[in-house]
Amino acid sequence: MRRITIEHVARLSGVSKGTVSRVLNNHPSVSPQTRTRVQEAIAQLGFQPSSAARGLARGQRHTIGVAVPNVTVAGLPSPYKTALLEAISNAAADAGYTVQVSAARAEEAGEKSNLEWVLDRQVDGVILLDLKEHDQRLAVLRHRQVPFVAVGTSPVGSWVEVENEEGARLAILHLLDLGHQRIGHIAGPKGLDVTGRRLVGYRRALEERALGFEKALVQGAEFTELGGYRTGTALLEQGVTAIFAASDQMALGAIEAARDAGLSVPGDLSVVGFDDVLPARLANLTTVHQPIASVGRAATELLIALLHGGKEQHLIFPTELVVRSTTAPPNGRARRR
């Protein structure tokens, strides 16, 4: 028995496939006479639209866009983004959706370029990564009425976040409890939402212990080992005995900087990261764990719910300090040169 399609219905009723789709979607632009003719053809042929056909009739393509400026940083894969995109893709596939990922370099084509690329693919909705404190992409999506979910705290729309501030605070309190007082912070790139929130957690912990904030001990870098190496080297010149890095990749770079300076970790320098990605676990790095897979799945499920008429939601996942072998009490060897 042959499979009946929209094309068969269109041919029998003498209309276009687009008109059949509008009838299936109960679109008001179809005249009563045409609607009746199409409905009679559907009944005569015994046509039953698939879920995909019903989605197309509603203007849905079962495709999610992910707008991210860079999947790689400095030409190298980002373990955090790789894990996050894998979770998004798995959750989308479970719901019958495909994923389009944009990775245009923002510095080459402008901040909105990655979003424009995704929207050109006519996706049903968008997941935003690398949220900035004043992100232009939010206004574009609101103006075009495209459903979206941000990974990070957004002033508008649905978003999924982890306790960045609290995670950073726990990392610094851990170092303070060990006896460290000169604690450097390798912060993320300026302007990113996550950079600001982790810096707030760093400062909060110092304030709780009545320690002053020293601006020279906070320096920004890319979320890479090279960024951590360079900034870690600079912080060692400031006489820090511990470093809290805003990502695990940065932390691993700081460890290499310490070793190249003739210092041992954790004997001479304690190092804490953030993310708890696979390289951190392999290196036995003390770090702040965030549930990356849960964040990616939640963002995807929230977006799909929006596509089916759901309400905007805000979700926050907890972070947890994981103490491994890169932190210890200070011994006084790491000092200002």
C-alpha atoms as a PDB file:
ATOM      1  CA  MET A   1       0.000   0.000   0.000  1.00  0.00           C
ATOM      2  CA  ARG A   2       1.408   3.349  -1.065  1.00  0.00           C
ATOM      3  CA  ARG A   3       2.114   6.083   1.488  1.00  0.00           C
ATOM      4  CA  ILE A   4      -0.233   9.057   1.109  1.00  0.00           C
ATOM      5  CA  THR A   5       1.531  12.428   1.276  1.00  0.00           C
ATOM      6  CA  ILE A   6       0.629  16.113   1.190  1.00  0.00           C
ATOM      7  CA  GLU A   7       1.516  16.060  -2.514  1.00  0.00           C
ATOM      8  CA  HIS A   8      -1.243  13.504  -3.190  1.00  0.00           C
ATOM      9  CA  VAL A   9      -3.758  15.643  -1.314  1.00  0.00           C
ATOM     10  CA  ALA A  10      -2.679  18.755  -3.216  1.00  0.00           C
ATOM     11  CA  ARG A  11      -2.973  16.999  -6.586  1.00  0.00           C
ATOM     12  CA  LEU A  12      -6.445  15.609  -5.872  1.00  0.00           C
ATOM     13  CA  SER A  13      -7.809  18.899  -4.520  1.00  0.00           C
ATOM     14  CA  GLY A  14      -6.143  21.014  -7.217  1.00  0.00           C
ATOM     15  CA  VAL A  15      -4.181  23.271  -4.844  1.00  0.00           C
ATOM     16  CA  SER A  16      -0.558  23.756  -3.832  1.00  0.00           C
ATOM     17  CA  LYS A  17       1.172  21.840  -1.036  1.00  0.00           C
ATOM     18  CA  GLY A  18       1.414  25.147   0.832  1.00  0.00           C
ATOM     19  CA  THR A  19      -2.356  25.489   0.755  1.00  0.00           C
ATOM     20  CA  VAL A  20      -2.750  21.967   2.137  1.00  0.00           C
ATOM     21  CA  SER A  21      -0.347  22.904   4.952  1.00  0.00           C
ATOM     22  CA  ARG A  22      -2.399  26.010   5.727  1.00  0.00           C
ATOM     23  CA  VAL A  23      -5.557  23.916   5.915  1.00  0.00           C
ATOM     24  CA  LEU A  24      -3.836  21.478   8.296  1.00  0.00           C
ATOM     25  CA  ASN A  25      -2.813  24.470  10.408  1.00  0.00           C
ATOM     26  CA  ASN A  26      -6.325  25.975  10.254  1.00  0.00           C
ATOM     27  CA  HIS A  27      -4.892  29.164   8.749  1.00  0.00           C
ATOM     28  CA  PRO A  28      -7.541  31.904   8.238  1.00  0.00           C
ATOM     29  CA  SER A  29      -6.231  32.874   4.772  1.00  0.00           C
ATOM     30  CA  VAL A  30      -7.807  29.792   3.140  1.00  0.00           C
ATOM     31  CA  SER A  31     -11.290  30.317   1.652  1.00  0.00           C
ATOM     32  CA  PRO A  32     -14.131  28.106   2.928  1.00  0.00           C
ATOM     33  CA  GLN A  33     -14.555  26.512  -0.506  1.00  0.00           C
ATOM     34  CA  THR A  34     -10.883  25.601  -0.810  1.00  0.00           C
ATOM     35  CA  ARG A  35     -10.788  24.352   2.777  1.00  0.00           C
ATOM     36  CA  THR A  36     -13.745  22.058   2.099  1.00  0.00           C
ATOM     37  CA  ARG A  37     -12.144  20.725  -1.099  1.00  0.00           C
ATOM     38  CA  VAL A  38      -8.883  19.924   0.696  1.00  0.00           C
ATOM     39  CA  GLN A  39     -10.677  18.301   3.628  1.00  0.00           C
ATOM     40  CA  GLU A  40     -12.665  16.118   1.232  1.00  0.00           C
ATOM     41  CA  ALA A  41      -9.436  15.030  -0.487  1.00  0.00           C
ATOM     42  CA  ILE A  42      -7.893  14.206   2.895  1.00  0.00           C
ATOM     43  CA  ALA A  43     -10.898  12.066   3.802  1.00  0.00           C
ATOM     44  CA  GLN A  44     -11.002  10.351   0.405  1.00  0.00           C
ATOM     45  CA  LEU A  45      -7.311   9.462   0.487  1.00  0.00           C
ATOM     46  CA  GLY A  46      -7.243   8.609   4.189  1.00  0.00           C
ATOM     47  CA  PHE A  47      -4.329  11.000   4.661  1.00  0.00           C
ATOM     48  CA  GLN A  48      -2.827  11.158   8.174  1.00  0.00           C
ATOM     49  CA  PRO A  49      -0.212  13.911   8.623  1.00  0.00           C
ATOM     50  CA  SER A  50       2.968  12.852  10.432  1.00  0.00           C
ATOM     51  CA  SER A  51       4.277  14.786  13.416  1.00  0.00           C
ATOM     52  CA  ALA A  52       6.922  16.288  11.124  1.00  0.00           C
ATOM     53  CA  ALA A  53       4.280  17.389   8.630  1.00  0.00           C
ATOM     54  CA  ARG A  54       2.229  18.923  11.417  1.00  0.00           C
ATOM     55  CA  GLY A  55       5.333  20.757  12.572  1.00  0.00           C
ATOM     56  CA  LEU A  56       5.944  22.127   9.082  1.00  0.00           C
ATOM     57  CA  ALA A  57       2.329  23.181   8.898  1.00  0.00           C
ATOM     58  CA  ARG A  58       2.833  25.179  12.073  1.00  0.00           C
ATOM     59  CA  GLY A  59       5.996  26.697  10.610  1.00  0.00           C
ATOM     60  CA  GLN A  60       8.265  24.495  12.747  1.00  0.00           C
ATOM     61  CA  ARG A  61      11.266  22.637  11.349  1.00  0.00           C
ATOM     62  CA  HIS A  62      12.270  20.735  14.479  1.00  0.00           C
ATOM     63  CA  THR A  63      15.647  22.464  14.417  1.00  0.00           C
ATOM     64  CA  ILE A  64      17.337  24.280  17.300  1.00  0.00           C
ATOM     65  CA  GLY A  65      20.082  26.829  16.774  1.00  0.00           C
ATOM     66  CA  VAL A  66      22.994  27.293  19.170  1.00  0.00           C
ATOM     67  CA  ALA A  67      24.597  30.735  18.964  1.00  0.00           C
ATOM     68  CA  VAL A  68      28.145  30.601  20.299  1.00  0.00           C
ATOM     69  CA  PRO A  69      30.990  32.899  19.207  1.00  0.00           C
ATOM     70  CA  ASN A  70      33.652  30.200  19.513  1.00  0.00           C
ATOM     71  CA  VAL A  71      33.558  26.447  20.038  1.00  0.00           C
ATOM     72  CA  THR A  72      37.351  26.514  19.975  1.00  0.00           C
ATOM     73  CA  VAL A  73      39.522  29.047  21.778  1.00  0.00           C
ATOM     74  CA  ALA A  74      42.887  29.932  20.270  1.00  0.00           C
ATOM     75  CA  GLY A  75      42.307  27.112  17.783  1.00  0.00           C
ATOM     76  CA  LEU A  76      41.909  24.456  20.482  1.00  0.00           C
ATOM     77  CA  PRO A  77      38.683  22.674  21.489  1.00  0.00           C
ATOM     78  CA  SER A  78      37.044  23.971  24.666  1.00  0.00           C
ATOM     79  CA  PRO A  79      36.309  20.998  26.968  1.00  0.00           C
ATOM     80  CA  TYR A  80      33.499  22.965  28.626  1.00  0.00           C
ATOM     81  CA  LYS A  81      31.757  23.907  25.384  1.00  0.00           C
ATOM     82  CA  THR A  82      32.304  20.460  23.906  1.00  0.00           C
ATOM     83  CA  ALA A  83      30.552  18.869  26.893  1.00  0.00           C
ATOM     84  CA  LEU A  84      27.768  21.463  26.843  1.00  0.00           C
ATOM     85  CA  LEU A  85      27.092  21.069  23.111  1.00  0.00           C
ATOM     86  CA  GLU A  86      27.072  17.290  23.473  1.00  0.00           C
ATOM     87  CA  ALA A  87      24.396  17.559  26.178  1.00  0.00           C
ATOM     88  CA  ILE A  88      22.329  19.947  24.035  1.00  0.00           C
ATOM     89  CA  SER A  89      22.565  17.652  21.000  1.00  0.00           C
ATOM     90  CA  ASN A  90      21.602  14.568  23.011  1.00  0.00           C
ATOM     91  CA  ALA A  91      18.587  16.274  24.588  1.00  0.00           C
ATOM     92  CA  ALA A  92      17.471  17.636  21.217  1.00  0.00           C
ATOM     93  CA  ALA A  93      17.775  14.224  19.565  1.00  0.00           C
ATOM     94  CA  ASP A  94      15.717  12.642  22.352  1.00  0.00           C
ATOM     95  CA  ALA A  95      12.914  15.081  21.497  1.00  0.00           C
ATOM     96  CA  GLY A  96      13.203  14.622  17.725  1.00  0.00           C
ATOM     97  CA  TYR A  97      15.092  17.857  17.034  1.00  0.00           C
ATOM     98  CA  THR A  98      18.314  18.533  15.161  1.00  0.00           C
ATOM     99  CA  VAL A  99      20.874  21.175  16.150  1.00  0.00           C
ATOM    100  CA  GLN A 100      22.591  23.864  14.097  1.00  0.00           C
ATOM    101  CA  VAL A 101      25.698  25.318  15.775  1.00  0.00           C
ATOM    102  CA  SER A 102      27.193  28.671  14.840  1.00  0.00           C
ATOM    103  CA  ALA A 103      30.785  29.313  15.797  1.00  0.00           C
ATOM    104  CA  ALA A 104      31.601  32.539  13.948  1.00  0.00           C
ATOM    105  CA  ARG A 105      34.435  34.471  15.546  1.00  0.00           C
ATOM    106  CA  ALA A 106      32.862  37.566  17.083  1.00  0.00           C
ATOM    107  CA  GLU A 107      35.990  39.691  16.751  1.00  0.00           C
ATOM    108  CA  GLU A 108      36.048  39.060  12.988  1.00  0.00           C
ATOM    109  CA  ALA A 109      32.420  39.640  12.067  1.00  0.00           C
ATOM    110  CA  GLY A 110      30.767  41.492  14.946  1.00  0.00           C
ATOM    111  CA  GLU A 111      29.017  40.317  18.105  1.00  0.00           C
ATOM    112  CA  LYS A 112      25.741  39.422  16.390  1.00  0.00           C
ATOM    113  CA  SER A 113      27.308  37.422  13.554  1.00  0.00           C
ATOM    114  CA  ASN A 114      26.939  34.025  15.236  1.00  0.00           C
ATOM    115  CA  LEU A 115      23.258  34.711  15.896  1.00  0.00           C
ATOM    116  CA  GLU A 116      22.598  35.936  12.343  1.00  0.00           C
ATOM    117  CA  TRP A 117      24.148  32.746  10.988  1.00  0.00           C
ATOM    118  CA  VAL A 118      21.803  30.646  13.099  1.00  0.00           C
ATOM    119  CA  LEU A 119      18.716  32.687  12.183  1.00  0.00           C
ATOM    120  CA  ASP A 120      19.550  32.347   8.487  1.00  0.00           C
ATOM    121  CA  ARG A 121      19.061  28.583   8.979  1.00  0.00           C
ATOM    122  CA  GLN A 122      15.402  29.271   9.887  1.00  0.00           C
ATOM    123  CA  VAL A 123      15.596  27.489  13.225  1.00  0.00           C
ATOM    124  CA  ASP A 124      12.590  27.196  15.542  1.00  0.00           C
ATOM    125  CA  GLY A 125      14.440  28.628  18.535  1.00  0.00           C
ATOM    126  CA  VAL A 126      17.889  29.513  19.810  1.00  0.00           C
ATOM    127  CA  ILE A 127      20.139  28.639  22.757  1.00  0.00           C
ATOM    128  CA  LEU A 128      22.595  31.442  23.559  1.00  0.00           C
ATOM    129  CA  LEU A 129      26.055  30.675  24.938  1.00  0.00           C
ATOM    130  CA  ASP A 130      28.816  33.040  26.096  1.00  0.00           C
ATOM    131  CA  LEU A 131      26.273  35.525  27.418  1.00  0.00           C
ATOM    132  CA  LYS A 132      27.649  39.049  27.807  1.00  0.00           C
ATOM    133  CA  GLU A 133      26.670  41.585  30.442  1.00  0.00           C
ATOM    134  CA  HIS A 134      25.119  43.769  27.706  1.00  0.00           C
ATOM    135  CA  ASP A 135      24.383  41.216  25.004  1.00  0.00           C
ATOM    136  CA  GLN A 136      23.048  42.683  21.749  1.00  0.00           C
ATOM    137  CA  ARG A 137      21.704  39.292  20.687  1.00  0.00           C
ATOM    138  CA  LEU A 138      18.898  39.497  23.245  1.00  0.00           C
ATOM    139  CA  ALA A 139      17.385  42.559  21.579  1.00  0.00           C
ATOM    140  CA  VAL A 140      17.591  40.917  18.144  1.00  0.00           C
ATOM    141  CA  LEU A 141      15.765  37.813  19.330  1.00  0.00           C
ATOM    142  CA  ARG A 142      13.073  39.797  21.136  1.00  0.00           C
ATOM    143  CA  HIS A 143      12.543  42.008  18.078  1.00  0.00           C
ATOM    144  CA  ARG A 144      12.204  39.003  15.762  1.00  0.00           C
ATOM    145  CA  GLN A 145      10.053  37.144  18.307  1.00  0.00           C
ATOM    146  CA  VAL A 146      12.301  34.088  18.197  1.00  0.00           C
ATOM    147  CA  PRO A 147      12.010  31.821  21.267  1.00  0.00           C
ATOM    148  CA  PHE A 148      15.326  31.514  23.093  1.00  0.00           C
ATOM    149  CA  VAL A 149      17.024  30.260  26.239  1.00  0.00           C
ATOM    150  CA  ALA A 150      20.279  31.744  27.530  1.00  0.00           C
ATOM    151  CA  VAL A 151      22.952  29.817  29.389  1.00  0.00           C
ATOM    152  CA  GLY A 152      23.750  32.483  31.962  1.00  0.00           C
ATOM    153  CA  THR A 153      21.641  35.018  33.823  1.00  0.00           C
ATOM    154  CA  SER A 154      19.740  37.038  31.231  1.00  0.00           C
ATOM    155  CA  PRO A 155      17.717  40.197  31.986  1.00  0.00           C
ATOM    156  CA  VAL A 156      14.996  38.913  29.650  1.00  0.00           C
ATOM    157  CA  GLY A 157      13.618  35.551  28.594  1.00  0.00           C
ATOM    158  CA  SER A 158      14.319  32.075  29.909  1.00  0.00           C
ATOM    159  CA  TRP A 159      17.744  31.175  31.219  1.00  0.00           C
ATOM    160  CA  VAL A 160      19.713  28.380  32.857  1.00  0.00           C
ATOM    161  CA  GLU A 161      22.583  29.181  35.194  1.00  0.00           C
ATOM    162  CA  VAL A 162      24.881  27.653  37.792  1.00  0.00           C
ATOM    163  CA  GLU A 163      25.829  29.233  41.110  1.00  0.00           C
ATOM    164  CA  ASN A 164      28.922  30.941  39.714  1.00  0.00           C
ATOM    165  CA  GLU A 165      29.240  33.428  42.550  1.00  0.00           C
ATOM    166  CA  GLU A 166      28.830  30.812  45.267  1.00  0.00           C
ATOM    167  CA  GLY A 167      31.227  28.416  43.546  1.00  0.00           C
ATOM    168  CA  ALA A 168      33.945  31.065  43.430  1.00  0.00           C
ATOM    169  CA  ARG A 169      33.264  31.990  47.046  1.00  0.00           C
ATOM    170  CA  LEU A 170      33.692  28.356  48.143  1.00  0.00           C
ATOM    171  CA  ALA A 171      36.985  28.122  46.260  1.00  0.00           C
ATOM    172  CA  ILE A 172      38.418  31.192  47.997  1.00  0.00           C
ATOM    173  CA  LEU A 173      37.160  30.161  51.439  1.00  0.00           C
ATOM    174  CA  HIS A 174      38.875  26.805  50.940  1.00  0.00           C
ATOM    175  CA  LEU A 175      42.175  28.554  50.200  1.00  0.00           C
ATOM    176  CA  LEU A 176      41.720  30.938  53.136  1.00  0.00           C
ATOM    177  CA  ASP A 177      40.999  28.013  55.458  1.00  0.00           C
ATOM    178  CA  LEU A 178      44.309  26.480  54.369  1.00  0.00           C
ATOM    179  CA  GLY A 179      46.072  29.672  55.469  1.00  0.00           C
ATOM    180  CA  HIS A 180      46.542  31.529  52.172  1.00  0.00           C
ATOM    181  CA  GLN A 181      46.058  35.296  52.169  1.00  0.00           C
ATOM    182  CA  ARG A 182      47.611  36.454  48.892  1.00  0.00           C
ATOM    183  CA  ILE A 183      45.267  34.739  46.476  1.00  0.00           C
ATOM    184  CA  GLY A 184      45.431  35.647  42.807  1.00  0.00           C
ATOM    185  CA  HIS A 185      42.449  35.354  40.498  1.00  0.00           C
ATOM    186  CA  ILE A 186      42.735  34.574  36.795  1.00  0.00           C
ATOM    187  CA  ALA A 187      39.437  36.044  35.610  1.00  0.00           C
ATOM    188  CA  GLY A 188      37.704  35.337  32.313  1.00  0.00           C
ATOM    189  CA  PRO A 189      37.413  37.729  29.360  1.00  0.00           C
ATOM    190  CA  LYS A 190      36.042  41.164  30.179  1.00  0.00           C
ATOM    191  CA  GLY A 191      32.329  41.666  29.583  1.00  0.00           C
ATOM    192  CA  LEU A 192      31.196  38.057  29.949  1.00  0.00           C
ATOM    193  CA  ASP A 193      28.434  37.503  32.496  1.00  0.00           C
ATOM    194  CA  VAL A 194      30.261  34.550  34.028  1.00  0.00           C
ATOM    195  CA  THR A 195      33.459  36.592  34.477  1.00  0.00           C
ATOM    196  CA  GLY A 196      31.700  39.187  36.586  1.00  0.00           C
ATOM    197  CA  ARG A 197      29.839  36.681  38.742  1.00  0.00           C
ATOM    198  CA  ARG A 198      32.913  34.640  39.625  1.00  0.00           C
ATOM    199  CA  LEU A 199      34.796  37.827  40.473  1.00  0.00           C
ATOM    200  CA  VAL A 200      31.968  38.817  42.831  1.00  0.00           C
ATOM    201  CA  GLY A 201      32.330  35.465  44.611  1.00  0.00           C
ATOM    202  CA  TYR A 202      36.085  36.007  44.960  1.00  0.00           C
ATOM    203  CA  ARG A 203      35.551  39.427  46.529  1.00  0.00           C
ATOM    204  CA  ARG A 204      32.743  38.229  48.813  1.00  0.00           C
ATOM    205  CA  ALA A 205      34.952  35.571  50.370  1.00  0.00           C
ATOM    206  CA  LEU A 206      37.701  38.104  51.062  1.00  0.00           C
ATOM    207  CA  GLU A 207      35.204  40.484  52.641  1.00  0.00           C
ATOM    208  CA  GLU A 208      33.842  37.719  54.884  1.00  0.00           C
ATOM    209  CA  ARG A 209      37.333  37.257  56.320  1.00  0.00           C
ATOM    210  CA  ALA A 210      37.956  41.024  56.571  1.00  0.00           C
ATOM    211  CA  LEU A 211      40.661  40.925  53.911  1.00  0.00           C
ATOM    212  CA  GLY A 212      41.095  43.808  51.510  1.00  0.00           C
ATOM    213  CA  PHE A 213      40.698  43.530  47.752  1.00  0.00           C
ATOM    214  CA  GLU A 214      43.936  44.073  45.840  1.00  0.00           C
ATOM    215  CA  LYS A 215      43.289  44.954  42.205  1.00  0.00           C
ATOM    216  CA  ALA A 216      46.727  43.785  41.048  1.00  0.00           C
ATOM    217  CA  LEU A 217      45.859  40.237  42.114  1.00  0.00           C
ATOM    218  CA  VAL A 218      43.010  39.987  39.582  1.00  0.00           C
ATOM    219  CA  GLN A 219      43.964  39.711  35.921  1.00  0.00           C
ATOM    220  CA  GLY A 220      41.856  38.604  32.962  1.00  0.00           C
ATOM    221  CA  ALA A 221      42.667  36.062  30.268  1.00  0.00           C
ATOM    222  CA  GLU A 222      41.112  33.827  27.626  1.00  0.00           C
ATOM    223  CA  PHE A 223      39.666  30.517  28.840  1.00  0.00           C
ATOM    224  CA  THR A 224      42.761  28.610  27.666  1.00  0.00           C
ATOM    225  CA  GLU A 225      45.873  26.992  29.098  1.00  0.00           C
ATOM    226  CA  LEU A 226      47.977  29.646  27.371  1.00  0.00           C
ATOM    227  CA  GLY A 227      45.886  32.389  28.964  1.00  0.00           C
ATOM    228  CA  GLY A 228      46.318  30.735  32.348  1.00  0.00           C
ATOM    229  CA  TYR A 229      50.049  30.298  31.802  1.00  0.00           C
ATOM    230  CA  ARG A 230      50.674  33.935  30.907  1.00  0.00           C
ATOM    231  CA  THR A 231      48.455  35.367  33.617  1.00  0.00           C
ATOM    232  CA  GLY A 232      49.684  32.850  36.169  1.00  0.00           C
ATOM    233  CA  THR A 233      53.244  33.959  35.448  1.00  0.00           C
ATOM    234  CA  ALA A 234      52.243  37.587  36.033  1.00  0.00           C
ATOM    235  CA  LEU A 235      50.494  36.739  39.311  1.00  0.00           C
ATOM    236  CA  LEU A 236      53.545  34.875  40.582  1.00  0.00           C
ATOM    237  CA  GLU A 237      55.415  38.159  40.223  1.00  0.00           C
ATOM    238  CA  GLN A 238      52.908  39.580  42.726  1.00  0.00           C
ATOM    239  CA  GLY A 239      53.924  37.019  45.347  1.00  0.00           C
ATOM    240  CA  VAL A 240      50.687  35.015  45.455  1.00  0.00           C
ATOM    241  CA  THR A 241      50.670  31.707  47.297  1.00  0.00           C
ATOM    242  CA  ALA A 242      47.460  30.510  45.659  1.00  0.00           C
ATOM    243  CA  ILE A 243      45.569  31.056  42.401  1.00  0.00           C
ATOM    244  CA  PHE A 244      41.875  30.669  41.685  1.00  0.00           C
ATOM    245  CA  ALA A 245      41.280  30.391  37.944  1.00  0.00           C
ATOM    246  CA  ALA A 246      37.898  30.994  36.301  1.00  0.00           C
ATOM    247  CA  SER A 247      38.238  27.781  34.280  1.00  0.00           C
ATOM    248  CA  ASP A 248      40.037  24.462  34.540  1.00  0.00           C
ATOM    249  CA  GLN A 249      42.014  25.138  31.363  1.00  0.00           C
ATOM    250  CA  MET A 250      43.336  28.362  32.889  1.00  0.00           C
ATOM    251  CA  ALA A 251      44.208  26.529  36.097  1.00  0.00           C
ATOM    252  CA  LEU A 252      46.204  23.899  34.206  1.00  0.00           C
ATOM    253  CA  GLY A 253      48.116  26.681  32.481  1.00  0.00           C
ATOM    254  CA  ALA A 254      48.867  28.320  35.836  1.00  0.00           C
ATOM    255  CA  ILE A 255      50.261  25.018  37.126  1.00  0.00           C
ATOM    256  CA  GLU A 256      52.649  24.868  34.163  1.00  0.00           C
ATOM    257  CA  ALA A 257      53.712  28.466  34.856  1.00  0.00           C
ATOM    258  CA  ALA A 258      54.510  27.566  38.463  1.00  0.00           C
ATOM    259  CA  ARG A 259      56.558  24.538  37.452  1.00  0.00           C
ATOM    260  CA  ASP A 260      58.495  26.556  34.887  1.00  0.00           C
ATOM    261  CA  ALA A 261      59.252  29.048  37.677  1.00  0.00           C
ATOM    262  CA  GLY A 262      60.719  26.248  39.785  1.00  0.00           C
ATOM    263  CA  LEU A 263      57.718  26.001  42.115  1.00  0.00           C
ATOM    264  CA  SER A 264      55.844  22.848  43.049  1.00  0.00           C
ATOM    265  CA  VAL A 265      52.059  22.456  43.166  1.00  0.00           C
ATOM    266  CA  PRO A 266      50.682  22.304  45.813  1.00  0.00           C
ATOM    267  CA  GLY A 267      53.874  22.588  47.879  1.00  0.00           C
ATOM    268  CA  ASP A 268      54.728  26.130  46.812  1.00  0.00           C
ATOM    269  CA  LEU A 269      51.536  27.211  45.046  1.00  0.00           C
ATOM    270  CA  SER A 270      47.935  26.079  45.441  1.00  0.00           C
ATOM    271  CA  VAL A 271      45.665  26.166  42.384  1.00  0.00           C
ATOM    272  CA  VAL A 272      41.876  25.877  42.068  1.00  0.00           C
ATOM    273  CA  GLY A 273      39.921  25.749  38.805  1.00  0.00           C
ATOM    274  CA  PHE A 274      36.268  25.943  37.806  1.00  0.00           C
ATOM    275  CA  ASP A 275      34.153  23.535  35.665  1.00  0.00           C
ATOM    276  CA  ASP A 276      35.415  20.032  36.564  1.00  0.00           C
ATOM    277  CA  VAL A 277      35.929  18.934  32.958  1.00  0.00           C
ATOM    278  CA  LEU A 278      37.749  15.714  32.063  1.00  0.00           C
ATOM    279  CA  PRO A 279      41.278  17.236  31.834  1.00  0.00           C
ATOM    280  CA  ALA A 280      40.844  18.584  35.369  1.00  0.00           C
ATOM    281  CA  ARG A 281      39.892  15.175  36.705  1.00  0.00           C
ATOM    282  CA  LEU A 282      42.834  13.551  34.932  1.00  0.00           C
ATOM    283  CA  ALA A 283      45.183  16.154  36.447  1.00  0.00           C
ATOM    284  CA  ASN A 284      43.660  15.657  39.920  1.00  0.00           C
ATOM    285  CA  LEU A 285      42.890  19.391  40.020  1.00  0.00           C
ATOM    286  CA  THR A 286      41.016  20.928  42.925  1.00  0.00           C
ATOM    287  CA  THR A 287      38.115  22.667  41.223  1.00  0.00           C
ATOM    288  CA  VAL A 288      34.528  23.860  41.390  1.00  0.00           C
ATOM    289  CA  HIS A 289      32.197  21.321  39.822  1.00  0.00           C
ATOM    290  CA  GLN A 290      29.312  22.527  37.709  1.00  0.00           C
ATOM    291  CA  PRO A 291      26.787  20.062  36.217  1.00  0.00           C
ATOM    292  CA  ILE A 292      27.484  20.846  32.551  1.00  0.00           C
ATOM    293  CA  ALA A 293      25.382  18.004  31.137  1.00  0.00           C
ATOM    294  CA  SER A 294      22.394  18.978  33.288  1.00  0.00           C
ATOM    295  CA  VAL A 295      22.680  22.611  32.189  1.00  0.00           C
ATOM    296  CA  GLY A 296      22.754  21.674  28.505  1.00  0.00           C
ATOM    297  CA  ARG A 297      19.810  19.312  28.788  1.00  0.00           C
ATOM    298  CA  ALA A 298      17.766  21.781  30.846  1.00  0.00           C
ATOM    299  CA  ALA A 299      18.376  24.598  28.352  1.00  0.00           C
ATOM    300  CA  THR A 300      17.239  22.373  25.497  1.00  0.00           C
ATOM    301  CA  GLU A 301      14.146  21.115  27.295  1.00  0.00           C
ATOM    302  CA  LEU A 302      13.191  24.667  28.310  1.00  0.00           C
ATOM    303  CA  LEU A 303      13.463  25.831  24.702  1.00  0.00           C
ATOM    304  CA  ILE A 304      11.383  22.944  23.371  1.00  0.00           C
ATOM    305  CA  ALA A 305       8.764  23.684  26.042  1.00  0.00           C
ATOM    306  CA  LEU A 306       8.660  27.314  24.841  1.00  0.00           C
ATOM    307  CA  LEU A 307       8.129  26.099  21.282  1.00  0.00           C
ATOM    308  CA  HIS A 308       5.047  24.251  22.508  1.00  0.00           C
ATOM    309  CA  GLY A 309       3.563  27.211  24.349  1.00  0.00           C
ATOM    310  CA  GLY A 310       5.353  26.890  27.681  1.00  0.00           C
ATOM    311  CA  LYS A 311       6.135  29.804  29.982  1.00  0.00           C
ATOM    312  CA  GLU A 312       9.503  31.463  30.515  1.00  0.00           C
ATOM    313  CA  GLN A 313      11.509  29.886  33.336  1.00  0.00           C
ATOM    314  CA  HIS A 314      14.733  30.507  35.244  1.00  0.00           C
ATOM    315  CA  LEU A 315      16.780  27.560  36.534  1.00  0.00           C
ATOM    316  CA  ILE A 316      19.859  27.676  38.763  1.00  0.00           C
ATOM    317  CA  PHE A 317      22.007  24.594  39.352  1.00  0.00           C
ATOM    318  CA  PRO A 318      24.282  24.289  42.404  1.00  0.00           C
ATOM    319  CA  THR A 319      28.065  24.202  42.218  1.00  0.00           C
ATOM    320  CA  GLU A 320      30.304  22.144  44.481  1.00  0.00           C
ATOM    321  CA  LEU A 321      33.928  22.398  45.556  1.00  0.00           C
ATOM    322  CA  VAL A 322      35.875  19.233  44.724  1.00  0.00           C
ATOM    323  CA  VAL A 323      39.127  19.076  46.701  1.00  0.00           C
ATOM    324  CA  ARG A 324      41.866  17.070  45.036  1.00  0.00           C
ATOM    325  CA  SER A 325      45.662  17.317  45.088  1.00  0.00           C
ATOM    326  CA  THR A 326      46.505  20.854  43.899  1.00  0.00           C
ATOM    327  CA  THR A 327      45.786  22.700  47.159  1.00  0.00           C
ATOM    328  CA  ALA A 328      47.671  22.659  50.471  1.00  0.00           C
ATOM    329  CA  PRO A 329      48.731  25.083  53.234  1.00  0.00           C
ATOM    330  CA  PRO A 330      51.290  27.708  52.137  1.00  0.00           C
ATOM    331  CA  ASN A 331      54.964  27.084  52.894  1.00  0.00           C
ATOM    332  CA  GLY A 332      56.253  30.591  52.186  1.00  0.00           C
ATOM    333  CA  ARG A 333      58.419  29.823  49.144  1.00  0.00           C
ATOM    334  CA  ALA A 334      56.217  31.575  46.566  1.00  0.00           C
ATOM    335  CA  ARG A 335      57.039  35.209  47.138  1.00  0.00           C
ATOM    336  CA  ARG A 336      57.248  38.446  45.233  1.00  0.00           C
ATOM    337  CA  ARG A 337      60.384  38.624  43.110  1.00  0.00           C
END
